[in-house]
PDB file of N, CA and C in Angstrom:
ATOM      1  N   MET A   1      74.930 -22.290 -46.553  1.00  0.00           N
ATOM      2  CA  MET A   1      75.691 -21.686 -47.615  1.00  0.00           C
ATOM      3  C   MET A   1      76.937 -20.974 -47.057  1.00  0.00           C
ATOM      4  N   ASN A   2      76.841 -20.393 -45.865  1.00  0.00           N
ATOM      5  CA  ASN A   2      77.994 -19.733 -45.275  1.00  0.00           C
ATOM      6  C   ASN A   2      79.094 -20.722 -44.946  1.00  0.00           C
ATOM      7  N   LYS A   3      78.705 -21.939 -44.526  1.00  0.00           N
ATOM      8  CA  LYS A   3      79.728 -22.933 -44.204  1.00  0.00           C
ATOM      9  C   LYS A   3      80.525 -23.297 -45.448  1.00  0.00           C
ATOM     10  N   ASN A   4      79.863 -23.308 -46.608  1.00  0.00           N
ATOM     11  CA  ASN A   4      80.582 -23.578 -47.851  1.00  0.00           C
ATOM     12  C   ASN A   4      81.594 -22.472 -48.137  1.00  0.00           C
ATOM     13  N   ARG A   5      81.213 -21.232 -47.850  1.00  0.00           N
ATOM     14  CA  ARG A   5      82.122 -20.112 -48.073  1.00  0.00           C
ATOM     15  C   ARG A   5      83.322 -20.207 -47.133  1.00  0.00           C
ATOM     16  N   TYR A   6      83.069 -20.533 -45.866  1.00  0.00           N
ATOM     17  CA  TYR A   6      84.161 -20.670 -44.906  1.00  0.00           C
ATOM     18  C   TYR A   6      85.092 -21.812 -45.295  1.00  0.00           C
ATOM     19  N   LEU A   7      84.515 -22.900 -45.761  1.00  0.00           N
ATOM     20  CA  LEU A   7      85.326 -24.034 -46.199  1.00  0.00           C
ATOM     21  C   LEU A   7      86.168 -23.657 -47.409  1.00  0.00           C
ATOM     22  N   LEU A   8      85.588 -22.923 -48.343  1.00  0.00           N
ATOM     23  CA  LEU A   8      86.330 -22.469 -49.515  1.00  0.00           C
ATOM     24  C   LEU A   8      87.485 -21.548 -49.102  1.00  0.00           C
ATOM     25  N   CYS A   9      87.221 -20.636 -48.167  1.00  0.00           N
ATOM     26  CA  CYS A   9      88.277 -19.741 -47.682  1.00  0.00           C
ATOM     27  C   CYS A   9      89.392 -20.529 -46.988  1.00  0.00           C
ATOM     28  N   LEU A  10      89.021 -21.545 -46.214  1.00  0.00           N
ATOM     29  CA  LEU A  10      90.038 -22.381 -45.558  1.00  0.00           C
ATOM     30  C   LEU A  10      90.889 -23.126 -46.586  1.00  0.00           C
ATOM     31  N   LEU A  11      90.252 -23.622 -47.633  1.00  0.00           N
ATOM     32  CA  LEU A  11      91.003 -24.319 -48.674  1.00  0.00           C
ATOM     33  C   LEU A  11      91.942 -23.369 -49.410  1.00  0.00           C
ATOM     34  N   ILE A  12      91.481 -22.151 -49.683  1.00  0.00           N
ATOM     35  CA  ILE A  12      92.340 -21.166 -50.339  1.00  0.00           C
ATOM     36  C   ILE A  12      93.512 -20.788 -49.439  1.00  0.00           C
ATOM     37  N   CYS A  13      93.244 -20.622 -48.138  1.00  0.00           N
ATOM     38  CA  CYS A  13      94.332 -20.336 -47.188  1.00  0.00           C
ATOM     39  C   CYS A  13      95.331 -21.486 -47.158  1.00  0.00           C
ATOM     40  N   GLY A  14      94.836 -22.702 -47.200  1.00  0.00           N
ATOM     41  CA  GLY A  14      95.723 -23.860 -47.226  1.00  0.00           C
ATOM     42  C   GLY A  14      96.584 -23.899 -48.478  1.00  0.00           C
ATOM     43  N   LEU A  15      95.987 -23.573 -49.616  1.00  0.00           N
ATOM     44  CA  LEU A  15      96.760 -23.530 -50.853  1.00  0.00           C
ATOM     45  C   LEU A  15      97.820 -22.425 -50.815  1.00  0.00           C
ATOM     46  N   MET A  16      97.446 -21.274 -50.273  1.00  0.00           N
ATOM     47  CA  MET A  16      98.412 -20.182 -50.153  1.00  0.00           C
ATOM     48  C   MET A  16      99.569 -20.575 -49.234  1.00  0.00           C
ATOM     49  N   LEU A  17      99.243 -21.242 -48.132  1.00  0.00           N
ATOM     50  CA  LEU A  17     100.298 -21.696 -47.221  1.00  0.00           C
ATOM     51  C   LEU A  17     101.191 -22.741 -47.887  1.00  0.00           C
ATOM     52  N   TYR A  18     100.580 -23.660 -48.619  1.00  0.00           N
ATOM     53  CA  TYR A  18     101.337 -24.708 -49.298  1.00  0.00           C
ATOM     54  C   TYR A  18     102.308 -24.100 -50.310  1.00  0.00           C
ATOM     55  N   TYR A  19     101.873 -23.053 -50.978  1.00  0.00           N
ATOM     56  CA  TYR A  19     102.717 -22.410 -51.980  1.00  0.00           C
ATOM     57  C   TYR A  19     103.762 -21.492 -51.346  1.00  0.00           C
ATOM     58  N   ALA A  20     103.413 -20.783 -50.276  1.00  0.00           N
ATOM     59  CA  ALA A  20     104.262 -19.720 -49.757  1.00  0.00           C
ATOM     60  C   ALA A  20     105.276 -20.161 -48.701  1.00  0.00           C
ATOM     61  N   VAL A  21     104.933 -21.142 -47.881  1.00  0.00           N
ATOM     62  CA  VAL A  21     105.811 -21.501 -46.758  1.00  0.00           C
ATOM     63  C   VAL A  21     107.209 -21.911 -47.213  1.00  0.00           C
ATOM     64  N   PRO A  22     107.376 -22.692 -48.268  1.00  0.00           N
ATOM     65  CA  PRO A  22     108.749 -23.015 -48.674  1.00  0.00           C
ATOM     66  C   PRO A  22     109.543 -21.796 -49.170  1.00  0.00           C
ATOM     67  N   ARG A  23     108.839 -20.777 -49.628  1.00  0.00           N
ATOM     68  CA  ARG A  23     109.514 -19.602 -50.174  1.00  0.00           C
ATOM     69  C   ARG A  23     109.781 -18.514 -49.135  1.00  0.00           C
ATOM     70  N   LEU A  24     109.102 -18.586 -48.001  1.00  0.00           N
ATOM     71  CA  LEU A  24     109.296 -17.581 -46.953  1.00  0.00           C
ATOM     72  C   LEU A  24     110.462 -17.987 -46.062  1.00  0.00           C
ATOM     73  N   SER A  25     111.245 -17.002 -45.678  1.00  0.00           N
ATOM     74  CA  SER A  25     112.395 -17.266 -44.816  1.00  0.00           C
ATOM     75  C   SER A  25     112.301 -16.367 -43.588  1.00  0.00           C
ATOM     76  N   ILE A  26     111.857 -16.952 -42.483  1.00  0.00           N
ATOM     77  CA  ILE A  26     111.722 -16.179 -41.254  1.00  0.00           C
ATOM     78  C   ILE A  26     113.092 -15.863 -40.663  1.00  0.00           C
ATOM     79  N   GLN A  27     114.057 -16.727 -40.900  1.00  0.00           N
ATOM     80  CA  GLN A  27     115.383 -16.547 -40.323  1.00  0.00           C
ATOM     81  C   GLN A  27     116.208 -15.477 -41.032  1.00  0.00           C
ATOM     82  N   ALA A  28     115.728 -15.035 -42.195  1.00  0.00           N
ATOM     83  CA  ALA A  28     116.457 -13.990 -42.918  1.00  0.00           C
ATOM     84  C   ALA A  28     116.370 -12.680 -42.143  1.00  0.00           C
ATOM     85  N   GLY A  29     117.359 -11.879 -42.262  1.00  0.00           N
ATOM     86  CA  GLY A  29     117.386 -10.619 -41.531  1.00  0.00           C
ATOM     87  C   GLY A  29     116.712  -9.499 -42.304  1.00  0.00           C
ATOM     88  N   GLY A  30     116.391  -8.460 -41.605  1.00  0.00           N
ATOM     89  CA  GLY A  30     115.865  -7.255 -42.241  1.00  0.00           C
ATOM     90  C   GLY A  30     114.404  -7.362 -42.644  1.00  0.00           C
ATOM     91  N   GLU A  31     114.105  -6.701 -43.746  1.00  0.00           N
ATOM     92  CA  GLU A  31     112.718  -6.611 -44.201  1.00  0.00           C
ATOM     93  C   GLU A  31     112.152  -7.944 -44.656  1.00  0.00           C
ATOM     94  N   GLN A  32     112.989  -8.801 -45.212  1.00  0.00           N
ATOM     95  CA  GLN A  32     112.513 -10.092 -45.689  1.00  0.00           C
ATOM     96  C   GLN A  32     111.994 -10.960 -44.540  1.00  0.00           C
ATOM     97  N   GLY A  33     112.726 -11.014 -43.457  1.00  0.00           N
ATOM     98  CA  GLY A  33     112.293 -11.789 -42.295  1.00  0.00           C
ATOM     99  C   GLY A  33     111.064 -11.193 -41.642  1.00  0.00           C
ATOM    100  N   LEU A  34     111.003  -9.865 -41.573  1.00  0.00           N
ATOM    101  CA  LEU A  34     109.835  -9.197 -40.999  1.00  0.00           C
ATOM    102  C   LEU A  34     108.592  -9.458 -41.844  1.00  0.00           C
ATOM    103  N   PHE A  35     108.744  -9.346 -43.178  1.00  0.00           N
ATOM    104  CA  PHE A  35     107.617  -9.623 -44.065  1.00  0.00           C
ATOM    105  C   PHE A  35     107.131 -11.056 -43.902  1.00  0.00           C
ATOM    106  N   SER A  36     108.039 -12.004 -43.821  1.00  0.00           N
ATOM    107  CA  SER A  36     107.665 -13.415 -43.674  1.00  0.00           C
ATOM    108  C   SER A  36     106.902 -13.650 -42.376  1.00  0.00           C
ATOM    109  N   ALA A  37     107.383 -13.074 -41.292  1.00  0.00           N
ATOM    110  CA  ALA A  37     106.718 -13.262 -40.001  1.00  0.00           C
ATOM    111  C   ALA A  37     105.338 -12.625 -39.981  1.00  0.00           C
ATOM    112  N   VAL A  38     105.215 -11.423 -40.526  1.00  0.00           N
ATOM    113  CA  VAL A  38     103.921 -10.729 -40.552  1.00  0.00           C
ATOM    114  C   VAL A  38     102.948 -11.462 -41.466  1.00  0.00           C
ATOM    115  N   TRP A  39     103.421 -11.942 -42.622  1.00  0.00           N
ATOM    116  CA  TRP A  39     102.556 -12.662 -43.552  1.00  0.00           C
ATOM    117  C   TRP A  39     102.018 -13.940 -42.908  1.00  0.00           C
ATOM    118  N   LEU A  40     102.880 -14.674 -42.241  1.00  0.00           N
ATOM    119  CA  LEU A  40     102.440 -15.904 -41.571  1.00  0.00           C
ATOM    120  C   LEU A  40     101.474 -15.599 -40.421  1.00  0.00           C
ATOM    121  N   ALA A  41     101.685 -14.508 -39.711  1.00  0.00           N
ATOM    122  CA  ALA A  41     100.765 -14.129 -38.630  1.00  0.00           C
ATOM    123  C   ALA A  41      99.389 -13.788 -39.184  1.00  0.00           C
ATOM    124  N   PHE A  42      99.346 -13.022 -40.272  1.00  0.00           N
ATOM    125  CA  PHE A  42      98.055 -12.693 -40.879  1.00  0.00           C
ATOM    126  C   PHE A  42      97.359 -13.939 -41.430  1.00  0.00           C
ATOM    127  N   MET A  43      98.124 -14.855 -41.988  1.00  0.00           N
ATOM    128  CA  MET A  43      97.522 -16.083 -42.510  1.00  0.00           C
ATOM    129  C   MET A  43      96.969 -16.934 -41.368  1.00  0.00           C
ATOM    130  N   LEU A  44      97.664 -16.955 -40.247  1.00  0.00           N
ATOM    131  CA  LEU A  44      97.173 -17.680 -39.075  1.00  0.00           C
ATOM    132  C   LEU A  44      95.867 -17.067 -38.581  1.00  0.00           C
ATOM    133  N   MET A  45      95.774 -15.748 -38.583  1.00  0.00           N
ATOM    134  CA  MET A  45      94.529 -15.080 -38.179  1.00  0.00           C
ATOM    135  C   MET A  45      93.391 -15.387 -39.144  1.00  0.00           C
ATOM    136  N   ALA A  46      93.688 -15.425 -40.433  1.00  0.00           N
ATOM    137  CA  ALA A  46      92.659 -15.730 -41.428  1.00  0.00           C
ATOM    138  C   ALA A  46      92.134 -17.153 -41.253  1.00  0.00           C
ATOM    139  N   VAL A  47      93.036 -18.094 -41.046  1.00  0.00           N
ATOM    140  CA  VAL A  47      92.626 -19.490 -40.842  1.00  0.00           C
ATOM    141  C   VAL A  47      91.827 -19.626 -39.546  1.00  0.00           C
ATOM    142  N   ALA A  48      92.299 -18.992 -38.484  1.00  0.00           N
ATOM    143  CA  ALA A  48      91.601 -19.088 -37.196  1.00  0.00           C
ATOM    144  C   ALA A  48      90.210 -18.451 -37.273  1.00  0.00           C
ATOM    145  N   GLY A  49      90.097 -17.332 -37.945  1.00  0.00           N
ATOM    146  CA  GLY A  49      88.798 -16.675 -38.066  1.00  0.00           C
ATOM    147  C   GLY A  49      87.797 -17.496 -38.861  1.00  0.00           C
ATOM    148  N   ASN A  50      88.223 -18.054 -39.977  1.00  0.00           N
ATOM    149  CA  ASN A  50      87.321 -18.872 -40.787  1.00  0.00           C
ATOM    150  C   ASN A  50      86.956 -20.168 -40.079  1.00  0.00           C
ATOM    151  N   LEU A  51      87.904 -20.767 -39.404  1.00  0.00           N
ATOM    152  CA  LEU A  51      87.624 -22.005 -38.674  1.00  0.00           C
ATOM    153  C   LEU A  51      86.664 -21.748 -37.514  1.00  0.00           C
ATOM    154  N   THR A  52      86.856 -20.651 -36.807  1.00  0.00           N
ATOM    155  CA  THR A  52      85.967 -20.295 -35.709  1.00  0.00           C
ATOM    156  C   THR A  52      84.557 -20.024 -36.216  1.00  0.00           C
ATOM    157  N   ALA A  53      84.443 -19.291 -37.307  1.00  0.00           N
ATOM    158  CA  ALA A  53      83.129 -18.991 -37.865  1.00  0.00           C
ATOM    159  C   ALA A  53      82.431 -20.263 -38.336  1.00  0.00           C
ATOM    160  N   MET A  54      83.178 -21.189 -38.882  1.00  0.00           N
ATOM    161  CA  MET A  54      82.571 -22.424 -39.367  1.00  0.00           C
ATOM    162  C   MET A  54      82.135 -23.320 -38.212  1.00  0.00           C
ATOM    163  N   LEU A  55      82.935 -23.388 -37.156  1.00  0.00           N
ATOM    164  CA  LEU A  55      82.614 -24.292 -36.049  1.00  0.00           C
ATOM    165  C   LEU A  55      81.527 -23.748 -35.125  1.00  0.00           C
ATOM    166  N   TYR A  56      81.474 -22.446 -34.938  1.00  0.00           N
ATOM    167  CA  TYR A  56      80.533 -21.864 -33.992  1.00  0.00           C
ATOM    168  C   TYR A  56      79.326 -21.213 -34.654  1.00  0.00           C
ATOM    169  N   ALA A  57      79.044 -21.552 -35.894  1.00  0.00           N
ATOM    170  CA  ALA A  57      77.861 -21.020 -36.580  1.00  0.00           C
ATOM    171  C   ALA A  57      76.612 -21.677 -35.991  1.00  0.00           C
ATOM    172  N   PRO A  58      75.505 -20.938 -35.875  1.00  0.00           N
ATOM    173  CA  PRO A  58      74.278 -21.540 -35.352  1.00  0.00           C
ATOM    174  C   PRO A  58      73.739 -22.610 -36.299  1.00  0.00           C
ATOM    175  N   ARG A  59      73.077 -23.565 -35.731  1.00  0.00           N
ATOM    176  CA  ARG A  59      72.532 -24.679 -36.514  1.00  0.00           C
ATOM    177  C   ARG A  59      71.268 -24.240 -37.240  1.00  0.00           C
ATOM    178  N   ARG A  60      71.106 -24.662 -38.483  1.00  0.00           N
ATOM    179  CA  ARG A  60      69.907 -24.321 -39.242  1.00  0.00           C
ATOM    180  C   ARG A  60      68.778 -25.319 -38.997  1.00  0.00           C
ATOM    181  N   ALA A  61      69.092 -26.526 -38.615  1.00  0.00           N
ATOM    182  CA  ALA A  61      68.063 -27.551 -38.436  1.00  0.00           C
ATOM    183  C   ALA A  61      67.087 -27.153 -37.340  1.00  0.00           C
ATOM    184  N   ALA A  62      67.560 -26.548 -36.274  1.00  0.00           N
ATOM    185  CA  ALA A  62      66.687 -26.146 -35.184  1.00  0.00           C
ATOM    186  C   ALA A  62      65.729 -25.047 -35.636  1.00  0.00           C
ATOM    187  N   ARG A  63      66.176 -24.157 -36.473  1.00  0.00           N
ATOM    188  CA  ARG A  63      65.321 -23.084 -36.967  1.00  0.00           C
ATOM    189  C   ARG A  63      64.200 -23.624 -37.848  1.00  0.00           C
ATOM    190  N   THR A  64      64.525 -24.528 -38.751  1.00  0.00           N
ATOM    191  CA  THR A  64      63.502 -25.052 -39.650  1.00  0.00           C
ATOM    192  C   THR A  64      62.483 -25.891 -38.881  1.00  0.00           C
ATOM    193  N   GLN A  65      62.918 -26.584 -37.862  1.00  0.00           N
ATOM    194  CA  GLN A  65      62.001 -27.391 -37.080  1.00  0.00           C
ATOM    195  C   GLN A  65      61.032 -26.505 -36.306  1.00  0.00           C
ATOM    196  N   LYS A  66      61.500 -25.421 -35.741  1.00  0.00           N
ATOM    197  CA  LYS A  66      60.636 -24.516 -35.003  1.00  0.00           C
ATOM    198  C   LYS A  66      59.615 -23.858 -35.913  1.00  0.00           C
ATOM    199  N   THR A  67      60.017 -23.477 -37.103  1.00  0.00           N
ATOM    200  CA  THR A  67      59.072 -22.841 -38.023  1.00  0.00           C
ATOM    201  C   THR A  67      58.034 -23.836 -38.509  1.00  0.00           C
ATOM    202  N   SER A  68      58.410 -25.085 -38.689  1.00  0.00           N
ATOM    203  CA  SER A  68      57.426 -26.056 -39.152  1.00  0.00           C
ATOM    204  C   SER A  68      56.374 -26.317 -38.071  1.00  0.00           C
ATOM    205  N   ILE A  69      56.758 -26.326 -36.814  1.00  0.00           N
ATOM    206  CA  ILE A  69      55.785 -26.500 -35.735  1.00  0.00           C
ATOM    207  C   ILE A  69      54.857 -25.299 -35.672  1.00  0.00           C
ATOM    208  N   ALA A  70      55.391 -24.110 -35.831  1.00  0.00           N
ATOM    209  CA  ALA A  70      54.561 -22.913 -35.817  1.00  0.00           C
ATOM    210  C   ALA A  70      53.611 -22.904 -37.009  1.00  0.00           C
ATOM    211  N   ASP A  71      54.061 -23.360 -38.173  1.00  0.00           N
ATOM    212  CA  ASP A  71      53.201 -23.417 -39.354  1.00  0.00           C
ATOM    213  C   ASP A  71      52.075 -24.415 -39.154  1.00  0.00           C
ATOM    214  N   LYS A  72      52.345 -25.546 -38.510  1.00  0.00           N
ATOM    215  CA  LYS A  72      51.310 -26.532 -38.254  1.00  0.00           C
ATOM    216  C   LYS A  72      50.249 -25.969 -37.332  1.00  0.00           C
ATOM    217  N   LYS A  73      50.651 -25.221 -36.321  1.00  0.00           N
ATOM    218  CA  LYS A  73      49.676 -24.630 -35.406  1.00  0.00           C
ATOM    219  C   LYS A  73      48.807 -23.620 -36.131  1.00  0.00           C
ATOM    220  N   LYS A  74      49.353 -22.855 -37.022  1.00  0.00           N
ATOM    221  CA  LYS A  74      48.592 -21.881 -37.789  1.00  0.00           C
ATOM    222  C   LYS A  74      47.581 -22.583 -38.689  1.00  0.00           C
ATOM    223  N   ILE A  75      48.005 -23.659 -39.317  1.00  0.00           N
ATOM    224  CA  ILE A  75      47.106 -24.392 -40.206  1.00  0.00           C
ATOM    225  C   ILE A  75      45.938 -24.983 -39.398  1.00  0.00           C
ATOM    226  N   ARG A  76      46.219 -25.531 -38.240  1.00  0.00           N
ATOM    227  CA  ARG A  76      45.173 -26.127 -37.423  1.00  0.00           C
ATOM    228  C   ARG A  76      44.229 -25.092 -36.852  1.00  0.00           C
ATOM    229  N   SER A  77      44.726 -23.905 -36.574  1.00  0.00           N
ATOM    230  CA  SER A  77      43.854 -22.897 -35.980  1.00  0.00           C
ATOM    231  C   SER A  77      42.878 -22.312 -36.990  1.00  0.00           C
ATOM    232  N   TYR A  78      43.172 -22.368 -38.271  1.00  0.00           N
ATOM    233  CA  TYR A  78      42.290 -21.813 -39.277  1.00  0.00           C
ATOM    234  C   TYR A  78      41.233 -22.807 -39.746  1.00  0.00           C
ATOM    235  N   ARG A  79      41.341 -24.026 -39.373  1.00  0.00           N
ATOM    236  CA  ARG A  79      40.348 -25.031 -39.833  1.00  0.00           C
ATOM    237  C   ARG A  79      39.130 -25.042 -39.002  1.00  0.00           C
TER     238      ARG A  79
END
């Protein structure tokens, strides 16, 4: 379920980038250029964080397999 959340966040970040990048002007001087650069840096951090969390999340299949083996041993020991 967490991977779905990370994927949703990545898609939202992609939509925000698709909408905002043509409107941001890094080459502009003053506050406008600073805002554009900071906004893009924060968006890069958001994308990197969600992508890292999605790629390096622990696998659930190994957990369910270990519990099923432990459950089988419990069932056999009570018979």
